[in-house]
């Protein structure tokens, strides 16, 4: 799942990079999970919600994404 060579579009590395791309292409510093998922699909095509959440979890664990006091996701600098 983390490094899926047979289906790279399901790799957490690829999905995580695309999530970061969504954050960087957005004018807002924070987003709720639903709007981030919608923006992801608008830019990169459909993705299953579980894979999207797994990638967000991975980004949180490695310190690239945080939750603010409103419960919205922010990209760490």
PDB file of N, CA and C in Angstrom:
ATOM      1  N   UNK A   1       0.825  -1.195   0.000  1.00  0.00           N
ATOM      2  CA  UNK A   1       0.000   0.000   0.000  1.00  0.00           C
ATOM      3  C   UNK A   1       0.867   1.256   0.000  1.00  0.00           C
ATOM      4  N   UNK A   2       1.938   1.244   0.789  1.00  0.00           N
ATOM      5  CA  UNK A   2       2.777   2.438   0.833  1.00  0.00           C
ATOM      6  C   UNK A   2       3.482   2.641  -0.496  1.00  0.00           C
ATOM      7  N   UNK A   3       4.119   1.596  -1.004  1.00  0.00           N
ATOM      8  CA  UNK A   3       4.833   1.696  -2.262  1.00  0.00           C
ATOM      9  C   UNK A   3       4.314   0.608  -3.193  1.00  0.00           C
ATOM     10  N   UNK A   4       3.224   0.865  -3.870  1.00  0.00           N
ATOM     11  CA  UNK A   4       2.562  -0.114  -4.715  1.00  0.00           C
ATOM     12  C   UNK A   4       3.075   0.037  -6.149  1.00  0.00           C
ATOM     13  N   UNK A   5       3.998  -0.839  -6.546  1.00  0.00           N
ATOM     14  CA  UNK A   5       4.596  -0.737  -7.879  1.00  0.00           C
ATOM     15  C   UNK A   5       3.642  -1.177  -8.980  1.00  0.00           C
ATOM     16  N   UNK A   6       2.729  -2.091  -8.667  1.00  0.00           N
ATOM     17  CA  UNK A   6       1.800  -2.573  -9.683  1.00  0.00           C
ATOM     18  C   UNK A   6       0.742  -1.521 -10.000  1.00  0.00           C
ATOM     19  N   UNK A   7       0.270  -0.792  -8.983  1.00  0.00           N
ATOM     20  CA  UNK A   7      -0.725   0.257  -9.156  1.00  0.00           C
ATOM     21  C   UNK A   7      -0.214   1.525  -8.474  1.00  0.00           C
ATOM     22  N   UNK A   8       0.680   2.263  -9.133  1.00  0.00           N
ATOM     23  CA  UNK A   8       1.278   3.432  -8.477  1.00  0.00           C
ATOM     24  C   UNK A   8       0.268   4.497  -8.059  1.00  0.00           C
ATOM     25  N   UNK A   9      -0.874   4.556  -8.733  1.00  0.00           N
ATOM     26  CA  UNK A   9      -1.900   5.536  -8.356  1.00  0.00           C
ATOM     27  C   UNK A   9      -2.504   5.232  -6.991  1.00  0.00           C
ATOM     28  N   UNK A  10      -2.266   4.015  -6.467  1.00  0.00           N
ATOM     29  CA  UNK A  10      -2.745   3.638  -5.143  1.00  0.00           C
ATOM     30  C   UNK A  10      -1.640   3.728  -4.085  1.00  0.00           C
ATOM     31  N   UNK A  11      -0.470   4.161  -4.486  1.00  0.00           N
ATOM     32  CA  UNK A  11       0.638   4.312  -3.552  1.00  0.00           C
ATOM     33  C   UNK A  11       0.400   5.525  -2.661  1.00  0.00           C
ATOM     34  N   UNK A  12       0.660   5.375  -1.359  1.00  0.00           N
ATOM     35  CA  UNK A  12       0.494   6.509  -0.454  1.00  0.00           C
ATOM     36  C   UNK A  12       1.450   7.637  -0.794  1.00  0.00           C
ATOM     37  N   UNK A  13       2.611   7.309  -1.367  1.00  0.00           N
ATOM     38  CA  UNK A  13       3.539   8.348  -1.810  1.00  0.00           C
ATOM     39  C   UNK A  13       2.903   9.218  -2.888  1.00  0.00           C
ATOM     40  N   UNK A  14       2.314   8.581  -3.868  1.00  0.00           N
ATOM     41  CA  UNK A  14       1.696   9.306  -4.989  1.00  0.00           C
ATOM     42  C   UNK A  14       0.479  10.093  -4.512  1.00  0.00           C
ATOM     43  N   UNK A  15      -0.391   9.459  -3.757  1.00  0.00           N
ATOM     44  CA  UNK A  15      -1.593  10.141  -3.265  1.00  0.00           C
ATOM     45  C   UNK A  15      -1.196  11.290  -2.345  1.00  0.00           C
ATOM     46  N   UNK A  16      -0.228  11.053  -1.463  1.00  0.00           N
ATOM     47  CA  UNK A  16       0.236  12.109  -0.560  1.00  0.00           C
ATOM     48  C   UNK A  16       0.800  13.295  -1.321  1.00  0.00           C
ATOM     49  N   UNK A  17       1.581  13.032  -2.348  1.00  0.00           N
ATOM     50  CA  UNK A  17       2.137  14.118  -3.168  1.00  0.00           C
ATOM     51  C   UNK A  17       1.029  14.909  -3.854  1.00  0.00           C
ATOM     52  N   UNK A  18       0.002  14.216  -4.299  1.00  0.00           N
ATOM     53  CA  UNK A  18      -1.119  14.899  -4.942  1.00  0.00           C
ATOM     54  C   UNK A  18      -1.923  15.722  -3.938  1.00  0.00           C
ATOM     55  N   UNK A  19      -2.037  15.236  -2.704  1.00  0.00           N
ATOM     56  CA  UNK A  19      -2.716  16.015  -1.664  1.00  0.00           C
ATOM     57  C   UNK A  19      -1.932  17.291  -1.378  1.00  0.00           C
ATOM     58  N   UNK A  20      -0.624  17.184  -1.293  1.00  0.00           N
ATOM     59  CA  UNK A  20       0.218  18.373  -1.098  1.00  0.00           C
ATOM     60  C   UNK A  20       0.032  19.341  -2.260  1.00  0.00           C
ATOM     61  N   UNK A  21      -0.056  18.805  -3.468  1.00  0.00           N
ATOM     62  CA  UNK A  21      -0.303  19.629  -4.651  1.00  0.00           C
ATOM     63  C   UNK A  21      -1.621  20.384  -4.537  1.00  0.00           C
ATOM     64  N   UNK A  22      -2.646  19.725  -4.029  1.00  0.00           N
ATOM     65  CA  UNK A  22      -3.950  20.375  -3.838  1.00  0.00           C
ATOM     66  C   UNK A  22      -3.817  21.527  -2.848  1.00  0.00           C
ATOM     67  N   UNK A  23      -3.122  21.285  -1.746  1.00  0.00           N
ATOM     68  CA  UNK A  23      -2.910  22.357  -0.769  1.00  0.00           C
ATOM     69  C   UNK A  23      -2.175  23.542  -1.399  1.00  0.00           C
ATOM     70  N   UNK A  24      -1.147  23.257  -2.173  1.00  0.00           N
ATOM     71  CA  UNK A  24      -0.341  24.324  -2.764  1.00  0.00           C
ATOM     72  C   UNK A  24      -1.074  25.072  -3.868  1.00  0.00           C
ATOM     73  N   UNK A  25      -2.037  24.441  -4.496  1.00  0.00           N
ATOM     74  CA  UNK A  25      -2.787  25.094  -5.566  1.00  0.00           C
ATOM     75  C   UNK A  25      -3.990  25.857  -5.039  1.00  0.00           C
ATOM     76  N   UNK A  26      -4.201  25.826  -3.728  1.00  0.00           N
ATOM     77  CA  UNK A  26      -5.365  26.449  -3.112  1.00  0.00           C
ATOM     78  C   UNK A  26      -4.965  27.752  -2.437  1.00  0.00           C
ATOM     79  N   UNK A  27      -5.837  28.760  -2.514  1.00  0.00           N
ATOM     80  CA  UNK A  27      -5.531  30.055  -1.909  1.00  0.00           C
ATOM     81  C   UNK A  27      -5.771  30.064  -0.402  1.00  0.00           C
ATOM     82  N   UNK A  28      -6.482  29.070   0.113  1.00  0.00           N
ATOM     83  CA  UNK A  28      -6.790  29.011   1.536  1.00  0.00           C
ATOM     84  C   UNK A  28      -5.732  28.190   2.261  1.00  0.00           C
ATOM     85  N   UNK A  29      -5.385  28.624   3.466  1.00  0.00           N
ATOM     86  CA  UNK A  29      -4.353  27.939   4.239  1.00  0.00           C
ATOM     87  C   UNK A  29      -4.866  26.652   4.873  1.00  0.00           C
ATOM     88  N   UNK A  30      -6.177  26.541   5.078  1.00  0.00           N
ATOM     89  CA  UNK A  30      -6.727  25.343   5.706  1.00  0.00           C
ATOM     90  C   UNK A  30      -7.978  24.894   4.962  1.00  0.00           C
ATOM     91  N   UNK A  31      -8.269  23.592   5.086  1.00  0.00           N
ATOM     92  CA  UNK A  31      -9.429  23.014   4.401  1.00  0.00           C
ATOM     93  C   UNK A  31     -10.015  21.919   5.274  1.00  0.00           C
ATOM     94  N   UNK A  32     -11.328  21.733   5.162  1.00  0.00           N
ATOM     95  CA  UNK A  32     -11.905  20.566   5.827  1.00  0.00           C
ATOM     96  C   UNK A  32     -11.693  19.352   4.921  1.00  0.00           C
ATOM     97  N   UNK A  33     -11.851  18.179   5.503  1.00  0.00           N
ATOM     98  CA  UNK A  33     -11.521  16.948   4.777  1.00  0.00           C
ATOM     99  C   UNK A  33     -12.382  16.773   3.535  1.00  0.00           C
ATOM    100  N   UNK A  34     -13.659  17.081   3.621  1.00  0.00           N
ATOM    101  CA  UNK A  34     -14.557  16.887   2.481  1.00  0.00           C
ATOM    102  C   UNK A  34     -14.172  17.798   1.317  1.00  0.00           C
ATOM    103  N   UNK A  35     -13.920  19.071   1.587  1.00  0.00           N
ATOM    104  CA  UNK A  35     -13.562  19.980   0.492  1.00  0.00           C
ATOM    105  C   UNK A  35     -12.181  19.641  -0.070  1.00  0.00           C
ATOM    106  N   UNK A  36     -11.267  19.157   0.787  1.00  0.00           N
ATOM    107  CA  UNK A  36      -9.958  18.732   0.290  1.00  0.00           C
ATOM    108  C   UNK A  36     -10.117  17.531  -0.638  1.00  0.00           C
ATOM    109  N   UNK A  37     -10.967  16.586  -0.257  1.00  0.00           N
ATOM    110  CA  UNK A  37     -11.235  15.413  -1.101  1.00  0.00           C
ATOM    111  C   UNK A  37     -11.866  15.843  -2.428  1.00  0.00           C
ATOM    112  N   UNK A  38     -12.826  16.759  -2.376  1.00  0.00           N
ATOM    113  CA  UNK A  38     -13.462  17.255  -3.604  1.00  0.00           C
ATOM    114  C   UNK A  38     -12.454  17.951  -4.509  1.00  0.00           C
ATOM    115  N   UNK A  39     -11.600  18.789  -3.924  1.00  0.00           N
ATOM    116  CA  UNK A  39     -10.572  19.475  -4.708  1.00  0.00           C
ATOM    117  C   UNK A  39      -9.581  18.482  -5.309  1.00  0.00           C
ATOM    118  N   UNK A  40      -9.238  17.450  -4.540  1.00  0.00           N
ATOM    119  CA  UNK A  40      -8.353  16.402  -5.039  1.00  0.00           C
ATOM    120  C   UNK A  40      -8.954  15.763  -6.285  1.00  0.00           C
ATOM    121  N   UNK A  41     -10.217  15.387  -6.192  1.00  0.00           N
ATOM    122  CA  UNK A  41     -10.868  14.730  -7.326  1.00  0.00           C
ATOM    123  C   UNK A  41     -11.009  15.665  -8.524  1.00  0.00           C
ATOM    124  N   UNK A  42     -11.184  16.942  -8.285  1.00  0.00           N
ATOM    125  CA  UNK A  42     -11.268  17.904  -9.392  1.00  0.00           C
ATOM    126  C   UNK A  42      -9.937  18.010 -10.133  1.00  0.00           C
ATOM    127  N   UNK A  43      -8.838  17.954  -9.391  1.00  0.00           N
ATOM    128  CA  UNK A  43      -7.512  18.099 -10.001  1.00  0.00           C
ATOM    129  C   UNK A  43      -6.928  16.787 -10.514  1.00  0.00           C
ATOM    130  N   UNK A  44      -7.168  15.688  -9.792  1.00  0.00           N
ATOM    131  CA  UNK A  44      -6.442  14.447 -10.077  1.00  0.00           C
ATOM    132  C   UNK A  44      -7.332  13.252 -10.398  1.00  0.00           C
ATOM    133  N   UNK A  45      -8.631  13.434 -10.444  1.00  0.00           N
ATOM    134  CA  UNK A  45      -9.522  12.323 -10.749  1.00  0.00           C
ATOM    135  C   UNK A  45     -10.012  11.616  -9.497  1.00  0.00           C
ATOM    136  N   UNK A  46     -10.863  10.638  -9.703  1.00  0.00           N
ATOM    137  CA  UNK A  46     -11.506   9.931  -8.582  1.00  0.00           C
ATOM    138  C   UNK A  46     -10.499   9.145  -7.757  1.00  0.00           C
ATOM    139  N   UNK A  47     -10.770   9.122  -6.464  1.00  0.00           N
ATOM    140  CA  UNK A  47      -9.981   8.322  -5.526  1.00  0.00           C
ATOM    141  C   UNK A  47     -10.938   7.797  -4.466  1.00  0.00           C
ATOM    142  N   UNK A  48     -10.709   6.564  -4.040  1.00  0.00           N
ATOM    143  CA  UNK A  48     -11.571   6.026  -2.988  1.00  0.00           C
ATOM    144  C   UNK A  48     -11.288   6.778  -1.694  1.00  0.00           C
ATOM    145  N   UNK A  49     -12.328   6.964  -0.913  1.00  0.00           N
ATOM    146  CA  UNK A  49     -12.198   7.720   0.332  1.00  0.00           C
ATOM    147  C   UNK A  49     -11.216   7.048   1.302  1.00  0.00           C
ATOM    148  N   UNK A  50     -11.244   5.707   1.444  1.00  0.00           N
ATOM    149  CA  UNK A  50     -10.268   5.082   2.352  1.00  0.00           C
ATOM    150  C   UNK A  50      -8.815   5.356   1.954  1.00  0.00           C
ATOM    151  N   UNK A  51      -8.482   5.270   0.660  1.00  0.00           N
ATOM    152  CA  UNK A  51      -7.116   5.559   0.231  1.00  0.00           C
ATOM    153  C   UNK A  51      -6.753   7.008   0.517  1.00  0.00           C
ATOM    154  N   UNK A  52      -7.687   7.900   0.318  1.00  0.00           N
ATOM    155  CA  UNK A  52      -7.470   9.312   0.596  1.00  0.00           C
ATOM    156  C   UNK A  52      -7.173   9.518   2.083  1.00  0.00           C
ATOM    157  N   UNK A  53      -7.953   8.888   2.944  1.00  0.00           N
ATOM    158  CA  UNK A  53      -7.757   9.001   4.390  1.00  0.00           C
ATOM    159  C   UNK A  53      -6.437   8.355   4.811  1.00  0.00           C
ATOM    160  N   UNK A  54      -6.082   7.196   4.227  1.00  0.00           N
ATOM    161  CA  UNK A  54      -4.796   6.567   4.543  1.00  0.00           C
ATOM    162  C   UNK A  54      -3.645   7.519   4.223  1.00  0.00           C
ATOM    163  N   UNK A  55      -3.719   8.176   3.079  1.00  0.00           N
ATOM    164  CA  UNK A  55      -2.659   9.106   2.685  1.00  0.00           C
ATOM    165  C   UNK A  55      -2.614  10.308   3.634  1.00  0.00           C
ATOM    166  N   UNK A  56      -3.779  10.816   4.039  1.00  0.00           N
ATOM    167  CA  UNK A  56      -3.803  11.912   5.011  1.00  0.00           C
ATOM    168  C   UNK A  56      -3.199  11.467   6.340  1.00  0.00           C
ATOM    169  N   UNK A  57      -3.524  10.266   6.779  1.00  0.00           N
ATOM    170  CA  UNK A  57      -2.936   9.742   8.011  1.00  0.00           C
ATOM    171  C   UNK A  57      -1.418   9.689   7.902  1.00  0.00           C
ATOM    172  N   UNK A  58      -0.928   9.208   6.782  1.00  0.00           N
ATOM    173  CA  UNK A  58       0.503   9.120   6.555  1.00  0.00           C
ATOM    174  C   UNK A  58       1.137  10.507   6.588  1.00  0.00           C
ATOM    175  N   UNK A  59       0.519  11.482   5.934  1.00  0.00           N
ATOM    176  CA  UNK A  59       1.044  12.852   5.945  1.00  0.00           C
ATOM    177  C   UNK A  59       1.033  13.437   7.358  1.00  0.00           C
ATOM    178  N   UNK A  60       0.031  13.096   8.149  1.00  0.00           N
ATOM    179  CA  UNK A  60      -0.036  13.556   9.530  1.00  0.00           C
ATOM    180  C   UNK A  60       1.073  12.917  10.367  1.00  0.00           C
ATOM    181  N   UNK A  61       1.266  11.626  10.200  1.00  0.00           N
ATOM    182  CA  UNK A  61       2.286  10.899  10.963  1.00  0.00           C
ATOM    183  C   UNK A  61       3.685  11.440  10.679  1.00  0.00           C
ATOM    184  N   UNK A  62       3.968  11.786   9.431  1.00  0.00           N
ATOM    185  CA  UNK A  62       5.308  12.281   9.104  1.00  0.00           C
ATOM    186  C   UNK A  62       5.427  13.794   9.291  1.00  0.00           C
ATOM    187  N   UNK A  63       4.371  14.429   9.774  1.00  0.00           N
ATOM    188  CA  UNK A  63       4.443  15.831  10.149  1.00  0.00           C
ATOM    189  C   UNK A  63       4.261  16.846   9.035  1.00  0.00           C
ATOM    190  N   UNK A  64       3.626  16.450   7.942  1.00  0.00           N
ATOM    191  CA  UNK A  64       3.392  17.385   6.836  1.00  0.00           C
ATOM    192  C   UNK A  64       2.023  18.043   6.876  1.00  0.00           C
ATOM    193  N   UNK A  65       1.100  17.440   7.624  1.00  0.00           N
ATOM    194  CA  UNK A  65      -0.262  17.969   7.735  1.00  0.00           C
ATOM    195  C   UNK A  65      -0.628  18.030   9.211  1.00  0.00           C
ATOM    196  N   UNK A  66      -1.331  19.059   9.593  1.00  0.00           N
ATOM    197  CA  UNK A  66      -1.795  19.231  10.965  1.00  0.00           C
ATOM    198  C   UNK A  66      -3.269  19.587  10.980  1.00  0.00           C
ATOM    199  N   UNK A  67      -3.879  19.472  12.149  1.00  0.00           N
ATOM    200  CA  UNK A  67      -5.242  19.947  12.359  1.00  0.00           C
ATOM    201  C   UNK A  67      -5.178  21.246  13.147  1.00  0.00           C
ATOM    202  N   UNK A  68      -5.951  22.247  12.706  1.00  0.00           N
ATOM    203  CA  UNK A  68      -6.010  23.490  13.474  1.00  0.00           C
ATOM    204  C   UNK A  68      -7.124  23.405  14.511  1.00  0.00           C
ATOM    205  N   UNK A  69      -7.352  24.487  15.243  1.00  0.00           N
ATOM    206  CA  UNK A  69      -8.352  24.482  16.314  1.00  0.00           C
ATOM    207  C   UNK A  69      -9.776  24.301  15.792  1.00  0.00           C
ATOM    208  N   UNK A  70     -10.006  24.621  14.521  1.00  0.00           N
ATOM    209  CA  UNK A  70     -11.334  24.452  13.920  1.00  0.00           C
ATOM    210  C   UNK A  70     -11.553  23.031  13.402  1.00  0.00           C
ATOM    211  N   UNK A  71     -10.511  22.204  13.476  1.00  0.00           N
ATOM    212  CA  UNK A  71     -10.605  20.845  12.953  1.00  0.00           C
ATOM    213  C   UNK A  71     -10.316  20.754  11.475  1.00  0.00           C
ATOM    214  N   UNK A  72      -9.756  21.821  10.900  1.00  0.00           N
ATOM    215  CA  UNK A  72      -9.411  21.822   9.485  1.00  0.00           C
ATOM    216  C   UNK A  72      -7.960  21.410   9.307  1.00  0.00           C
ATOM    217  N   UNK A  73      -7.666  20.876   8.141  1.00  0.00           N
ATOM    218  CA  UNK A  73      -6.309  20.440   7.826  1.00  0.00           C
ATOM    219  C   UNK A  73      -5.479  21.608   7.315  1.00  0.00           C
ATOM    220  N   UNK A  74      -4.244  21.652   7.749  1.00  0.00           N
ATOM    221  CA  UNK A  74      -3.309  22.668   7.264  1.00  0.00           C
ATOM    222  C   UNK A  74      -2.020  21.974   6.845  1.00  0.00           C
ATOM    223  N   UNK A  75      -1.363  22.541   5.860  1.00  0.00           N
ATOM    224  CA  UNK A  75      -0.076  22.032   5.409  1.00  0.00           C
ATOM    225  C   UNK A  75       1.007  22.675   6.260  1.00  0.00           C
ATOM    226  N   UNK A  76       1.871  21.867   6.855  1.00  0.00           N
ATOM    227  CA  UNK A  76       2.949  22.402   7.688  1.00  0.00           C
ATOM    228  C   UNK A  76       4.061  22.971   6.802  1.00  0.00           C
ATOM    229  N   UNK A  77       4.716  23.978   7.293  1.00  0.00           N
ATOM    230  CA  UNK A  77       5.812  24.595   6.525  1.00  0.00           C
ATOM    231  C   UNK A  77       7.091  23.835   6.710  1.00  0.00           C
TER     232      UNK A  77
END
